[in-house]
Amino acid sequence: MTPSTSSAITLNINGEKYTLPVDHRTTLLDALREHLDLTGSKKGCDLGQCGACTVLLDGRRAVSCLQLAVAAEGRAITTIEGVADGERLHPVQQAFLDLDGYQCGYCTPGQICSAIAVIEEHAAGWPSAATDDVRPEAGVPALSAEEIRERMSGNLCRCGAYVSIVQAVAQAAKAQGKEAVA
């Protein structure tokens, strides 16, 4: 008897449950885009190197092109479509609009999802490669432009909107009451 290579899975996406049949090799990105018509997450490199497909899994950022859909079952998945609170934009989305943190917009959904996680990671005290003092007693460092650039480095922008992206992340962190210095 040959084992099955597909099954029905239930994904919790943006607070809603979706049950769909998938081949076990289907990536989360393809399940979102091709099976559920949630096309906000973009397929850039399909190698996990550009960040255009970044989503949040249980609040942590993940490149959905490298995540199998079957492995995401039972986890809370947030895509760009689920970031806003109804008609009210998330502070990161608003900051991207206010400060032109985009040009063509292709990378923007992944940039926004990554920025949301970056702000939370920083607020939780997670150090980055740019953090000067990683000792717990040193406390959370300022969310400087250098910190933001390092933490967002997994998200590429072909248009080069990096200066505005860094400013948008800093503004969003400040709007959420997180320490930010840019």
Protein backbone atom coordinates (compact mmCIF):
# COMPACT_ATOMS: atom_id res chain seq x y z
CA MET A 1 0.00 0.00 0.00
CA THR A 2 1.40 3.36 -1.03
CA PRO A 3 1.21 6.12 1.59
CA SER A 4 -0.88 9.13 0.65
CA THR A 5 0.97 12.24 -0.49
CA SER A 6 -1.92 14.58 0.25
CA SER A 7 -4.38 15.28 3.01
CA ALA A 8 -6.95 17.77 4.19
CA ILE A 9 -5.53 20.34 6.60
CA THR A 10 -7.08 23.16 8.58
CA LEU A 11 -5.20 26.43 8.70
CA ASN A 12 -5.97 29.26 11.12
CA ILE A 13 -5.38 32.34 8.98
CA ASN A 14 -6.17 35.85 10.20
CA GLY A 15 -8.48 34.42 12.85
CA GLU A 16 -10.49 32.25 10.43
CA LYS A 17 -10.23 28.51 9.87
CA TYR A 18 -9.77 27.17 6.35
CA THR A 19 -9.88 23.46 5.54
CA LEU A 20 -8.31 22.51 2.24
CA PRO A 21 -6.80 19.47 0.54
CA VAL A 22 -3.09 19.90 -0.15
CA ASP A 23 -0.22 17.87 -1.45
CA HIS A 24 2.21 17.41 1.44
CA ARG A 25 4.86 19.28 -0.57
CA THR A 26 2.74 22.44 -0.92
CA THR A 27 4.33 25.47 0.66
CA LEU A 28 2.36 27.77 2.89
CA LEU A 29 2.85 30.52 0.30
CA ASP A 30 1.29 28.41 -2.45
CA ALA A 31 -1.57 27.35 -0.16
CA LEU A 32 -2.28 31.01 0.63
CA ARG A 33 -2.03 32.27 -2.93
CA GLU A 34 -3.25 29.38 -5.06
CA HIS A 35 -5.72 27.58 -2.80
CA LEU A 36 -7.17 30.42 -0.69
CA ASP A 37 -6.73 33.43 -3.01
CA LEU A 38 -4.89 35.38 -0.29
CA THR A 39 -2.48 37.05 -2.69
CA GLY A 40 -1.04 39.75 -0.43
CA SER A 41 2.03 37.64 0.34
CA LYS A 42 4.20 37.80 -2.75
CA LYS A 43 6.31 35.14 -4.42
CA GLY A 44 9.67 36.78 -5.00
CA CYS A 45 12.68 34.49 -5.08
CA ASP A 46 10.90 31.30 -3.88
CA LEU A 47 14.15 30.53 -2.01
CA GLY A 48 13.60 32.31 1.31
CA GLN A 49 16.10 35.03 0.48
CA CYS A 50 14.02 38.11 -0.37
CA GLY A 51 11.33 38.25 2.35
CA ALA A 52 8.49 39.18 -0.02
CA CYS A 53 6.45 36.24 1.30
CA THR A 54 6.93 37.01 5.00
CA VAL A 55 3.94 36.19 7.21
CA LEU A 56 3.57 35.85 10.97
CA LEU A 57 3.38 32.36 12.49
CA ASP A 58 2.31 32.55 16.12
CA GLY A 59 3.46 36.17 16.05
CA ARG A 60 6.93 35.41 14.71
CA ARG A 61 8.00 36.18 11.18
CA ALA A 62 8.46 33.37 8.71
CA VAL A 63 9.15 33.20 5.00
CA SER A 64 6.14 31.27 3.77
CA CYS A 65 7.90 29.95 0.66
CA LEU A 66 10.03 27.70 2.89
CA GLN A 67 7.24 26.66 5.29
CA LEU A 68 5.19 23.61 4.35
CA ALA A 69 1.45 24.17 4.66
CA VAL A 70 1.01 20.90 6.58
CA ALA A 71 3.56 22.10 9.16
CA ALA A 72 1.56 25.30 9.71
CA GLU A 73 -1.56 23.43 10.79
CA GLY A 74 -2.51 24.36 14.34
CA ARG A 75 -0.54 27.61 14.28
CA ALA A 76 -1.88 31.15 14.12
CA ILE A 77 -1.02 32.54 10.69
CA THR A 78 -1.27 36.27 10.06
CA THR A 79 -0.92 37.57 6.52
CA ILE A 80 -0.98 41.17 5.36
CA GLU A 81 -4.73 40.77 4.83
CA GLY A 82 -5.17 40.24 8.58
CA VAL A 83 -2.93 42.97 9.95
CA ALA A 84 -5.42 45.86 10.00
CA ASP A 85 -8.19 46.08 12.60
CA GLY A 86 -11.16 46.34 10.28
CA GLU A 87 -10.87 49.67 8.50
CA ARG A 88 -8.22 50.94 10.95
CA LEU A 89 -4.71 50.32 9.65
CA HIS A 90 -2.06 48.74 11.86
CA PRO A 91 0.44 51.39 13.06
CA VAL A 92 3.10 49.86 10.78
CA GLN A 93 0.81 50.09 7.76
CA GLN A 94 -0.02 53.70 8.62
CA ALA A 95 3.65 54.58 9.04
CA PHE A 96 4.49 53.04 5.65
CA LEU A 97 1.79 55.21 4.08
CA ASP A 98 2.78 58.35 5.99
CA LEU A 99 6.48 58.06 5.16
CA ASP A 100 6.35 56.48 1.69
CA GLY A 101 7.95 53.25 2.91
CA TYR A 102 7.27 51.69 -0.46
CA GLN A 103 7.68 52.43 -4.13
CA CYS A 104 6.37 49.71 -6.40
CA GLY A 105 4.77 47.98 -3.40
CA TYR A 106 5.76 44.43 -4.30
CA CYS A 107 7.84 43.86 -1.17
CA THR A 108 5.59 45.95 1.09
CA PRO A 109 3.38 43.16 2.51
CA GLY A 110 6.46 41.19 3.59
CA GLN A 111 8.17 44.33 4.86
CA ILE A 112 5.14 45.22 6.99
CA CYS A 113 4.76 41.72 8.46
CA SER A 114 8.47 41.64 9.22
CA ALA A 115 8.38 45.12 10.78
CA ILE A 116 5.52 44.11 13.08
CA ALA A 117 7.60 41.19 14.35
CA VAL A 118 10.78 43.29 14.55
CA ILE A 119 9.09 45.78 16.88
CA GLU A 120 7.82 42.98 19.12
CA GLU A 121 11.17 41.14 19.14
CA HIS A 122 12.94 44.34 20.11
CA ALA A 123 10.42 45.19 22.83
CA ALA A 124 10.86 41.67 24.25
CA GLY A 125 14.59 42.35 24.56
CA TRP A 126 15.82 40.04 21.83
CA PRO A 127 19.27 41.23 20.71
CA SER A 128 20.34 41.54 17.09
CA ALA A 129 23.76 41.47 15.48
CA ALA A 130 23.77 45.27 15.87
CA THR A 131 23.04 45.23 19.62
CA ASP A 132 26.07 46.61 21.47
CA ASP A 133 25.42 45.14 24.91
CA VAL A 134 23.53 41.84 24.99
CA ARG A 135 23.72 41.32 28.76
CA PRO A 136 20.20 41.01 30.27
CA GLU A 137 21.02 43.59 32.91
CA ALA A 138 21.78 46.13 30.14
CA GLY A 139 18.07 46.26 29.33
CA VAL A 140 16.47 46.83 25.97
CA PRO A 141 18.61 49.11 23.78
CA ALA A 142 17.13 51.95 21.80
CA LEU A 143 15.57 50.89 18.52
CA SER A 144 18.08 52.86 16.49
CA ALA A 145 18.21 53.10 12.71
CA GLU A 146 21.15 50.67 12.82
CA GLU A 147 19.08 48.18 14.86
CA ILE A 148 16.14 48.51 12.48
CA ARG A 149 18.33 48.02 9.39
CA GLU A 150 19.91 44.90 10.88
CA ARG A 151 16.62 43.43 12.01
CA MET A 152 14.92 44.13 8.65
CA SER A 153 17.88 42.88 6.58
CA GLY A 154 16.03 39.72 5.51
CA ASN A 155 13.58 41.80 3.49
CA LEU A 156 14.83 43.15 0.19
CA CYS A 157 13.41 46.12 -1.70
CA ARG A 158 14.37 46.30 -5.37
CA CYS A 159 13.27 49.94 -5.51
CA GLY A 160 15.58 50.97 -2.69
CA ALA A 161 13.01 52.48 -0.32
CA TYR A 162 15.15 51.50 2.68
CA VAL A 163 15.50 55.00 4.17
CA SER A 164 11.72 55.42 4.30
CA ILE A 165 11.23 51.84 5.55
CA VAL A 166 13.57 52.45 8.49
CA GLN A 167 11.76 55.70 9.31
CA ALA A 168 8.38 53.94 9.08
CA VAL A 169 9.45 51.17 11.47
CA ALA A 170 10.74 53.76 13.95
CA GLN A 171 7.51 55.80 13.71
CA ALA A 172 5.36 52.68 14.17
CA ALA A 173 7.38 51.58 17.20
CA LYS A 174 6.92 55.02 18.73
CA ALA A 175 3.18 55.01 17.95
CA GLN A 176 2.86 51.69 19.77
CA GLY A 177 4.70 53.00 22.83
CA LYS A 178 7.87 51.06 22.07
CA GLU A 179 11.19 52.88 22.48
CA ALA A 180 12.42 54.10 19.12
CA VAL A 181 15.30 56.30 18.07
CA ALA A 182 15.97 56.73 14.36
